[in-house]
Amino acid sequence: MIAVRLMIVALLIAVGALGLAWLFTGNRKYLGYIGRVLRFALVVGVIAALLYVVERLVLR
């Protein structure tokens, strides 16, 4: 569970850093990077949730 929390903190730091980079430079490529990071995090989260559900069903 601590690994999940650490990944969430890393995600927030990455999005915050990219957001600040966009604010300071005005370069829209950083917004694209934020979108990619969030999409990747969503996919990984869904896969982790599905693995958790499968594990709970198998170990019953």
C-alpha atoms as a PDB file:
ATOM      1  CA  MET A   1       0.000   0.000   0.000  1.00  0.00           C
ATOM      2  CA  ILE A   2       2.888   2.330   0.664  1.00  0.00           C
ATOM      3  CA  ALA A   3       4.102   1.815  -2.909  1.00  0.00           C
ATOM      4  CA  VAL A   4       0.767   3.080  -4.245  1.00  0.00           C
ATOM      5  CA  ARG A   5       0.989   6.174  -2.044  1.00  0.00           C
ATOM      6  CA  LEU A   6       4.538   6.858  -3.198  1.00  0.00           C
ATOM      7  CA  MET A   7       3.455   6.575  -6.841  1.00  0.00           C
ATOM      8  CA  ILE A   8       0.593   9.016  -6.215  1.00  0.00           C
ATOM      9  CA  VAL A   9       3.024  11.484  -4.640  1.00  0.00           C
ATOM     10  CA  ALA A  10       5.388  11.071  -7.605  1.00  0.00           C
ATOM     11  CA  LEU A  11       2.467  11.679  -9.972  1.00  0.00           C
ATOM     12  CA  LEU A  12       1.475  14.850  -8.139  1.00  0.00           C
ATOM     13  CA  ILE A  13       5.061  16.118  -8.145  1.00  0.00           C
ATOM     14  CA  ALA A  14       5.415  15.415 -11.876  1.00  0.00           C
ATOM     15  CA  VAL A  15       2.142  17.137 -12.756  1.00  0.00           C
ATOM     16  CA  GLY A  16       3.003  20.084 -10.500  1.00  0.00           C
ATOM     17  CA  ALA A  17       6.459  20.462 -12.018  1.00  0.00           C
ATOM     18  CA  LEU A  18       5.098  20.287 -15.553  1.00  0.00           C
ATOM     19  CA  GLY A  19       2.390  22.784 -14.663  1.00  0.00           C
ATOM     20  CA  LEU A  20       4.960  25.204 -13.280  1.00  0.00           C
ATOM     21  CA  ALA A  21       7.141  24.718 -16.350  1.00  0.00           C
ATOM     22  CA  TRP A  22       4.163  25.625 -18.513  1.00  0.00           C
ATOM     23  CA  LEU A  23       3.362  28.695 -16.398  1.00  0.00           C
ATOM     24  CA  PHE A  24       6.928  29.990 -16.535  1.00  0.00           C
ATOM     25  CA  THR A  25       7.650  29.273 -20.196  1.00  0.00           C
ATOM     26  CA  GLY A  26       4.202  29.425 -21.802  1.00  0.00           C
ATOM     27  CA  ASN A  27       5.225  26.453 -23.950  1.00  0.00           C
ATOM     28  CA  ARG A  28       2.163  24.284 -24.631  1.00  0.00           C
ATOM     29  CA  LYS A  29       4.228  21.100 -24.999  1.00  0.00           C
ATOM     30  CA  TYR A  30       4.201  20.832 -21.200  1.00  0.00           C
ATOM     31  CA  LEU A  31       0.407  20.613 -21.241  1.00  0.00           C
ATOM     32  CA  GLY A  32       0.743  17.692 -23.644  1.00  0.00           C
ATOM     33  CA  TYR A  33       3.176  16.032 -21.258  1.00  0.00           C
ATOM     34  CA  ILE A  34       0.706  16.500 -18.400  1.00  0.00           C
ATOM     35  CA  GLY A  35      -1.973  14.798 -20.496  1.00  0.00           C
ATOM     36  CA  ARG A  36       0.323  11.883 -21.264  1.00  0.00           C
ATOM     37  CA  VAL A  37       1.317  11.469 -17.621  1.00  0.00           C
ATOM     38  CA  LEU A  38      -2.310  11.533 -16.474  1.00  0.00           C
ATOM     39  CA  ARG A  39      -3.387   9.065 -19.180  1.00  0.00           C
ATOM     40  CA  PHE A  40      -0.564   6.707 -18.239  1.00  0.00           C
ATOM     41  CA  ALA A  41      -1.480   6.996 -14.542  1.00  0.00           C
ATOM     42  CA  LEU A  42      -5.116   6.247 -15.337  1.00  0.00           C
ATOM     43  CA  VAL A  43      -4.234   3.155 -17.370  1.00  0.00           C
ATOM     44  CA  VAL A  44      -1.865   1.873 -14.676  1.00  0.00           C
ATOM     45  CA  GLY A  45      -4.509   2.542 -12.018  1.00  0.00           C
ATOM     46  CA  VAL A  46      -7.187   0.629 -13.909  1.00  0.00           C
ATOM     47  CA  ILE A  47      -4.836  -2.304 -14.490  1.00  0.00           C
ATOM     48  CA  ALA A  48      -3.859  -2.353 -10.799  1.00  0.00           C
ATOM     49  CA  ALA A  49      -7.515  -2.258  -9.761  1.00  0.00           C
ATOM     50  CA  LEU A  50      -8.367  -5.134 -12.103  1.00  0.00           C
ATOM     51  CA  LEU A  51      -5.451  -7.189 -10.766  1.00  0.00           C
ATOM     52  CA  TYR A  52      -6.652  -6.501  -7.223  1.00  0.00           C
ATOM     53  CA  VAL A  53     -10.171  -7.671  -8.079  1.00  0.00           C
ATOM     54  CA  VAL A  54      -8.864 -10.810  -9.791  1.00  0.00           C
ATOM     55  CA  GLU A  55      -6.635 -11.564  -6.811  1.00  0.00           C
ATOM     56  CA  ARG A  56      -9.566 -11.204  -4.404  1.00  0.00           C
ATOM     57  CA  LEU A  57     -11.713 -13.516  -6.551  1.00  0.00           C
ATOM     58  CA  VAL A  58      -9.015 -16.167  -6.916  1.00  0.00           C
ATOM     59  CA  LEU A  59      -8.069 -16.217  -3.232  1.00  0.00           C
ATOM     60  CA  ARG A  60     -11.613 -16.640  -1.966  1.00  0.00           C
END
